[in-house]
Every structure is written in structure tokens, then in C-alpha cells.
Amino acid sequence: MSRHRQRRQAIREARRLRDSGPDAGAAMRLAVMVALVLIALAVAAGLRGERLAVIAADALSGLEPLTRPVILGASGLELGAAALILILAGALIWRALRR
């Protein structure tokens, strides 16, 4: 093998190793962006916290009937979540046994 060809292969291998890992710069930019968004949310909540709490309480007050105990102390929301889990588990078991 010629020296030129060996050098070219070494350059390709070095480039492959360099480019194969995660991009640290992109991770840092993403972390800074997330931090900026969290800071903006914290500032907004600090400035208008009480108004946002009242708006959220009004919006979520319609869900109050779902939290009342229905059967043996379980609310409708809990029963719905349990039913969804049972349906998903049943579908997965049925699919596994069908094969």
C-alpha cells in the first residue's frame, strides 16, 4: 500500500472518529436555550403569578367532577386511567399471543 493511500485512510479514520460522537456545541446551545425559556417563565410567573393562578384555577375548575369519589373512594379520573392501562395491556397481550 502506498504511503499516500495510508495517509488518506488515516485522515478518513480520524474524520470518522471526530464526527461520530455527539455534538457538544449543539448540546450546550440547547441547554442555554432551555435555561433562557425557564428563566422567562419564572419572570413571567413572578410578575403576573396571582393572575395566572386565578386563570388556571378557573380553567381547571370544570374538571372537579372527575375528582369526586365514585366507587370505593376512586374518582372517575382514576378509574379512567386504570381502564386505559388495562386496555393497553390487553391489546399487548393479545398481540403477543396472536403470533
C-alpha atoms as a PDB file:
ATOM      1  CA  MET A   1       0.000   0.000   0.000  1.00  0.00           C
ATOM      2  CA  SER A   2       1.370   3.381  -0.919  1.00  0.00           C
ATOM      3  CA  ARG A   3       2.179   5.999   1.656  1.00  0.00           C
ATOM      4  CA  HIS A   4      -0.336   8.386   0.073  1.00  0.00           C
ATOM      5  CA  ARG A   5      -3.111   5.811   0.373  1.00  0.00           C
ATOM      6  CA  GLN A   6      -2.247   5.079   4.005  1.00  0.00           C
ATOM      7  CA  ARG A   7      -2.299   8.767   4.802  1.00  0.00           C
ATOM      8  CA  ARG A   8      -5.695   9.177   3.117  1.00  0.00           C
ATOM      9  CA  GLN A   9      -7.103   6.264   5.116  1.00  0.00           C
ATOM     10  CA  ALA A  10      -5.694   7.706   8.341  1.00  0.00           C
ATOM     11  CA  ILE A  11      -7.330  11.062   7.579  1.00  0.00           C
ATOM     12  CA  ARG A  12     -10.657   9.353   6.847  1.00  0.00           C
ATOM     13  CA  GLU A  13     -10.433   7.354  10.074  1.00  0.00           C
ATOM     14  CA  ALA A  14      -9.623  10.482  12.108  1.00  0.00           C
ATOM     15  CA  ARG A  15     -12.538  12.338  10.478  1.00  0.00           C
ATOM     16  CA  ARG A  16     -14.876   9.407  11.160  1.00  0.00           C
ATOM     17  CA  LEU A  17     -13.861   9.312  14.832  1.00  0.00           C
ATOM     18  CA  ARG A  18     -14.211  13.075  15.159  1.00  0.00           C
ATOM     19  CA  ASP A  19     -17.665  13.173  13.547  1.00  0.00           C
ATOM     20  CA  SER A  20     -19.061  10.048  15.209  1.00  0.00           C
ATOM     21  CA  GLY A  21     -19.608  11.487  18.703  1.00  0.00           C
ATOM     22  CA  PRO A  22     -22.338  13.784  19.943  1.00  0.00           C
ATOM     23  CA  ASP A  23     -22.074  17.442  19.096  1.00  0.00           C
ATOM     24  CA  ALA A  24     -21.050  19.155  22.325  1.00  0.00           C
ATOM     25  CA  GLY A  25     -21.669  22.617  20.894  1.00  0.00           C
ATOM     26  CA  ALA A  26     -25.238  21.781  19.958  1.00  0.00           C
ATOM     27  CA  ALA A  27     -25.867  20.323  23.409  1.00  0.00           C
ATOM     28  CA  MET A  28     -24.584  23.500  25.041  1.00  0.00           C
ATOM     29  CA  ARG A  29     -26.741  25.700  22.793  1.00  0.00           C
ATOM     30  CA  LEU A  30     -29.784  23.581  23.628  1.00  0.00           C
ATOM     31  CA  ALA A  31     -29.033  23.793  27.368  1.00  0.00           C
ATOM     32  CA  VAL A  32     -28.711  27.573  27.168  1.00  0.00           C
ATOM     33  CA  MET A  33     -31.977  27.842  25.210  1.00  0.00           C
ATOM     34  CA  VAL A  34     -33.837  25.709  27.771  1.00  0.00           C
ATOM     35  CA  ALA A  35     -32.370  27.797  30.615  1.00  0.00           C
ATOM     36  CA  LEU A  36     -33.497  31.004  28.910  1.00  0.00           C
ATOM     37  CA  VAL A  37     -37.028  29.681  28.446  1.00  0.00           C
ATOM     38  CA  LEU A  38     -37.200  28.589  32.095  1.00  0.00           C
ATOM     39  CA  ILE A  39     -35.951  31.970  33.264  1.00  0.00           C
ATOM     40  CA  ALA A  40     -38.523  33.747  31.069  1.00  0.00           C
ATOM     41  CA  LEU A  41     -41.300  31.580  32.503  1.00  0.00           C
ATOM     42  CA  ALA A  42     -40.120  32.257  36.053  1.00  0.00           C
ATOM     43  CA  VAL A  43     -40.038  36.008  35.437  1.00  0.00           C
ATOM     44  CA  ALA A  44     -43.484  35.933  33.834  1.00  0.00           C
ATOM     45  CA  ALA A  45     -44.882  33.928  36.740  1.00  0.00           C
ATOM     46  CA  GLY A  46     -43.280  36.311  39.216  1.00  0.00           C
ATOM     47  CA  LEU A  47     -44.742  39.375  37.559  1.00  0.00           C
ATOM     48  CA  ARG A  48     -48.211  38.001  36.929  1.00  0.00           C
ATOM     49  CA  GLY A  49     -48.291  34.987  39.238  1.00  0.00           C
ATOM     50  CA  GLU A  50     -51.566  35.693  41.003  1.00  0.00           C
ATOM     51  CA  ARG A  51     -53.417  36.465  37.778  1.00  0.00           C
ATOM     52  CA  LEU A  52     -52.076  33.284  36.137  1.00  0.00           C
ATOM     53  CA  ALA A  53     -53.075  31.221  39.195  1.00  0.00           C
ATOM     54  CA  VAL A  54     -56.639  32.564  39.072  1.00  0.00           C
ATOM     55  CA  ILE A  55     -56.892  31.905  35.331  1.00  0.00           C
ATOM     56  CA  ALA A  56     -55.551  28.349  35.752  1.00  0.00           C
ATOM     57  CA  ALA A  57     -57.939  27.673  38.652  1.00  0.00           C
ATOM     58  CA  ASP A  58     -60.892  28.886  36.598  1.00  0.00           C
ATOM     59  CA  ALA A  59     -59.860  26.786  33.612  1.00  0.00           C
ATOM     60  CA  LEU A  60     -59.373  23.626  35.682  1.00  0.00           C
ATOM     61  CA  SER A  61     -62.491  24.046  37.841  1.00  0.00           C
ATOM     62  CA  GLY A  62     -64.512  22.246  35.171  1.00  0.00           C
ATOM     63  CA  LEU A  63     -62.558  19.069  35.927  1.00  0.00           C
ATOM     64  CA  GLU A  64     -63.753  18.983  39.560  1.00  0.00           C
ATOM     65  CA  PRO A  65     -66.473  16.349  38.935  1.00  0.00           C
ATOM     66  CA  LEU A  66     -63.784  13.954  37.714  1.00  0.00           C
ATOM     67  CA  THR A  67     -62.031  14.099  41.082  1.00  0.00           C
ATOM     68  CA  ARG A  68     -65.079  13.223  43.222  1.00  0.00           C
ATOM     69  CA  PRO A  69     -65.075   9.666  44.628  1.00  0.00           C
ATOM     70  CA  VAL A  70     -67.330   7.397  42.581  1.00  0.00           C
ATOM     71  CA  ILE A  71     -66.688   3.760  43.518  1.00  0.00           C
ATOM     72  CA  LEU A  72     -64.914   2.713  46.737  1.00  0.00           C
ATOM     73  CA  GLY A  73     -63.192   6.088  47.019  1.00  0.00           C
ATOM     74  CA  ALA A  74     -61.771   6.003  43.488  1.00  0.00           C
ATOM     75  CA  SER A  75     -62.509   9.009  41.318  1.00  0.00           C
ATOM     76  CA  GLY A  76     -63.643   8.904  37.730  1.00  0.00           C
ATOM     77  CA  LEU A  77     -60.225  10.074  36.618  1.00  0.00           C
ATOM     78  CA  GLU A  78     -58.502   7.198  38.425  1.00  0.00           C
ATOM     79  CA  LEU A  79     -60.979   4.685  37.050  1.00  0.00           C
ATOM     80  CA  GLY A  80     -60.430   6.027  33.528  1.00  0.00           C
ATOM     81  CA  ALA A  81     -56.658   5.766  33.887  1.00  0.00           C
ATOM     82  CA  ALA A  82     -56.968   2.191  35.197  1.00  0.00           C
ATOM     83  CA  ALA A  83     -59.267   1.289  32.291  1.00  0.00           C
ATOM     84  CA  LEU A  84     -56.808   2.751  29.786  1.00  0.00           C
ATOM     85  CA  ILE A  85     -53.927   0.763  31.287  1.00  0.00           C
ATOM     86  CA  LEU A  86     -55.988  -2.437  31.226  1.00  0.00           C
ATOM     87  CA  ILE A  87     -56.973  -1.848  27.591  1.00  0.00           C
ATOM     88  CA  LEU A  88     -53.357  -1.246  26.563  1.00  0.00           C
ATOM     89  CA  ALA A  89     -52.119  -4.285  28.489  1.00  0.00           C
ATOM     90  CA  GLY A  90     -54.868  -6.421  26.969  1.00  0.00           C
ATOM     91  CA  ALA A  91     -54.004  -5.239  23.467  1.00  0.00           C
ATOM     92  CA  LEU A  92     -50.311  -6.016  24.002  1.00  0.00           C
ATOM     93  CA  ILE A  93     -51.050  -9.479  25.410  1.00  0.00           C
ATOM     94  CA  TRP A  94     -53.476 -10.216  22.575  1.00  0.00           C
ATOM     95  CA  ARG A  95     -50.899  -9.128  20.012  1.00  0.00           C
ATOM     96  CA  ALA A  96     -48.182 -11.254  21.641  1.00  0.00           C
ATOM     97  CA  LEU A  97     -50.388 -14.352  21.769  1.00  0.00           C
ATOM     98  CA  ARG A  98     -51.612 -13.883  18.198  1.00  0.00           C
ATOM     99  CA  ARG A  99     -48.151 -14.551  16.748  1.00  0.00           C
END
